[in-house]
């Protein structure tokens, strides 16, 4: 339990502001970039405490990093985990509303 609380304190939610995320925000679903170690329960707790909203659903996806080549050398970009958070009807997260 103590380990989970440590990770919760370190869980940093980075909102993803793009055309797709803004259109999803109109339907009540918000996109965040989260650490690869975060699970759905951690994301639910972090969003509800940070933004004072009721979370209904959380979906996560991991985007694998691309392989990039430059002058005979190759490397990969880092993997990114996204969380799609759906909130209760009538509730909004202000970060996404201000960016319109």
Protein backbone atom coordinates (compact mmCIF):
# COMPACT_ATOMS: atom_id res chain seq x y z
CA UNK A 1 0.00 0.00 0.00
CA UNK A 2 2.84 2.39 0.82
CA UNK A 3 4.43 1.71 -2.58
CA UNK A 4 1.18 2.63 -4.34
CA UNK A 5 0.99 5.93 -2.45
CA UNK A 6 4.59 6.75 -3.43
CA UNK A 7 3.80 6.14 -7.08
CA UNK A 8 0.60 8.20 -6.75
CA UNK A 9 2.62 11.19 -5.55
CA UNK A 10 4.96 10.80 -8.51
CA UNK A 11 2.21 10.23 -11.07
CA UNK A 12 2.36 13.23 -13.32
CA UNK A 13 -0.45 13.70 -15.78
CA UNK A 14 0.49 15.58 -18.93
CA UNK A 15 -2.57 16.66 -20.90
CA UNK A 16 -2.32 15.98 -24.63
CA UNK A 17 -3.58 18.98 -26.56
CA UNK A 18 -4.27 18.13 -30.19
CA UNK A 19 -7.16 18.27 -32.63
CA UNK A 20 -8.23 14.76 -31.71
CA UNK A 21 -8.06 15.39 -27.95
CA UNK A 22 -10.03 18.63 -28.21
CA UNK A 23 -12.77 16.89 -30.23
CA UNK A 24 -12.84 14.06 -27.66
CA UNK A 25 -13.09 16.63 -24.85
CA UNK A 26 -16.39 17.75 -26.31
CA UNK A 27 -17.75 14.25 -25.62
CA UNK A 28 -16.36 14.08 -22.07
CA UNK A 29 -13.20 12.05 -22.77
CA UNK A 30 -9.80 13.58 -22.03
CA UNK A 31 -6.33 12.38 -23.10
CA UNK A 32 -3.30 12.34 -20.80
CA UNK A 33 0.25 11.08 -21.14
CA UNK A 34 1.10 8.95 -18.10
CA UNK A 35 4.16 6.94 -16.99
CA UNK A 36 4.45 3.41 -18.36
CA UNK A 37 4.24 2.03 -14.80
CA UNK A 38 0.83 3.64 -14.12
CA UNK A 39 -2.27 1.45 -14.11
CA UNK A 40 -5.93 2.41 -14.50
CA UNK A 41 -6.61 2.71 -10.77
CA UNK A 42 -3.70 5.11 -10.30
CA UNK A 43 -4.85 7.24 -13.22
CA UNK A 44 -8.42 7.31 -11.86
CA UNK A 45 -7.25 8.46 -8.42
CA UNK A 46 -4.86 11.07 -9.84
CA UNK A 47 -7.43 12.62 -12.19
CA UNK A 48 -10.23 12.69 -9.62
CA UNK A 49 -7.99 14.29 -6.97
CA UNK A 50 -6.24 16.73 -9.31
CA UNK A 51 -9.27 18.01 -11.19
CA UNK A 52 -12.11 17.31 -8.69
CA UNK A 53 -14.19 15.27 -11.16
CA UNK A 54 -15.88 11.86 -11.07
CA UNK A 55 -14.13 9.41 -13.40
CA UNK A 56 -16.39 6.87 -15.10
CA UNK A 57 -13.96 5.01 -17.36
CA UNK A 58 -10.22 4.84 -18.12
CA UNK A 59 -8.69 3.28 -21.23
CA UNK A 60 -4.94 3.06 -21.72
CA UNK A 61 -2.77 2.42 -24.74
CA UNK A 62 0.98 2.12 -25.19
CA UNK A 63 2.48 3.66 -28.31
CA UNK A 64 5.72 1.91 -29.23
CA UNK A 65 8.65 4.19 -30.06
CA UNK A 66 9.66 4.54 -33.70
CA UNK A 67 12.98 3.30 -35.01
CA UNK A 68 14.92 6.25 -36.43
CA UNK A 69 18.06 6.09 -38.55
CA UNK A 70 20.55 8.89 -39.08
CA UNK A 71 23.96 8.65 -40.79
CA UNK A 72 24.30 4.91 -40.38
CA UNK A 73 23.23 4.88 -36.73
CA UNK A 74 19.84 3.77 -35.51
CA UNK A 75 17.95 4.31 -32.32
CA UNK A 76 14.43 4.22 -30.99
CA UNK A 77 12.23 6.85 -29.51
CA UNK A 78 10.76 6.19 -26.09
CA UNK A 79 7.49 4.34 -25.60
CA UNK A 80 4.56 6.52 -24.53
CA UNK A 81 1.47 5.52 -22.54
CA UNK A 82 -1.75 7.43 -23.06
CA UNK A 83 -4.81 7.37 -20.85
CA UNK A 84 -8.27 8.20 -22.18
CA UNK A 85 -10.33 9.35 -19.19
CA UNK A 86 -14.12 9.66 -19.37
CA UNK A 87 -15.77 11.87 -16.75
CA UNK A 88 -19.35 12.08 -15.52
CA UNK A 89 -21.85 14.00 -17.67
CA UNK A 90 -21.86 17.72 -16.93
CA UNK A 91 -18.32 17.76 -15.52
CA UNK A 92 -15.38 19.24 -17.40
CA UNK A 93 -11.62 19.60 -17.01
CA UNK A 94 -10.70 23.25 -17.40
CA UNK A 95 -7.31 22.71 -19.08
CA UNK A 96 -8.98 21.41 -22.23
CA UNK A 97 -11.70 24.06 -22.24
CA UNK A 98 -9.25 27.00 -22.08
CA UNK A 99 -7.24 25.79 -25.07
CA UNK A 100 -10.13 26.12 -27.52
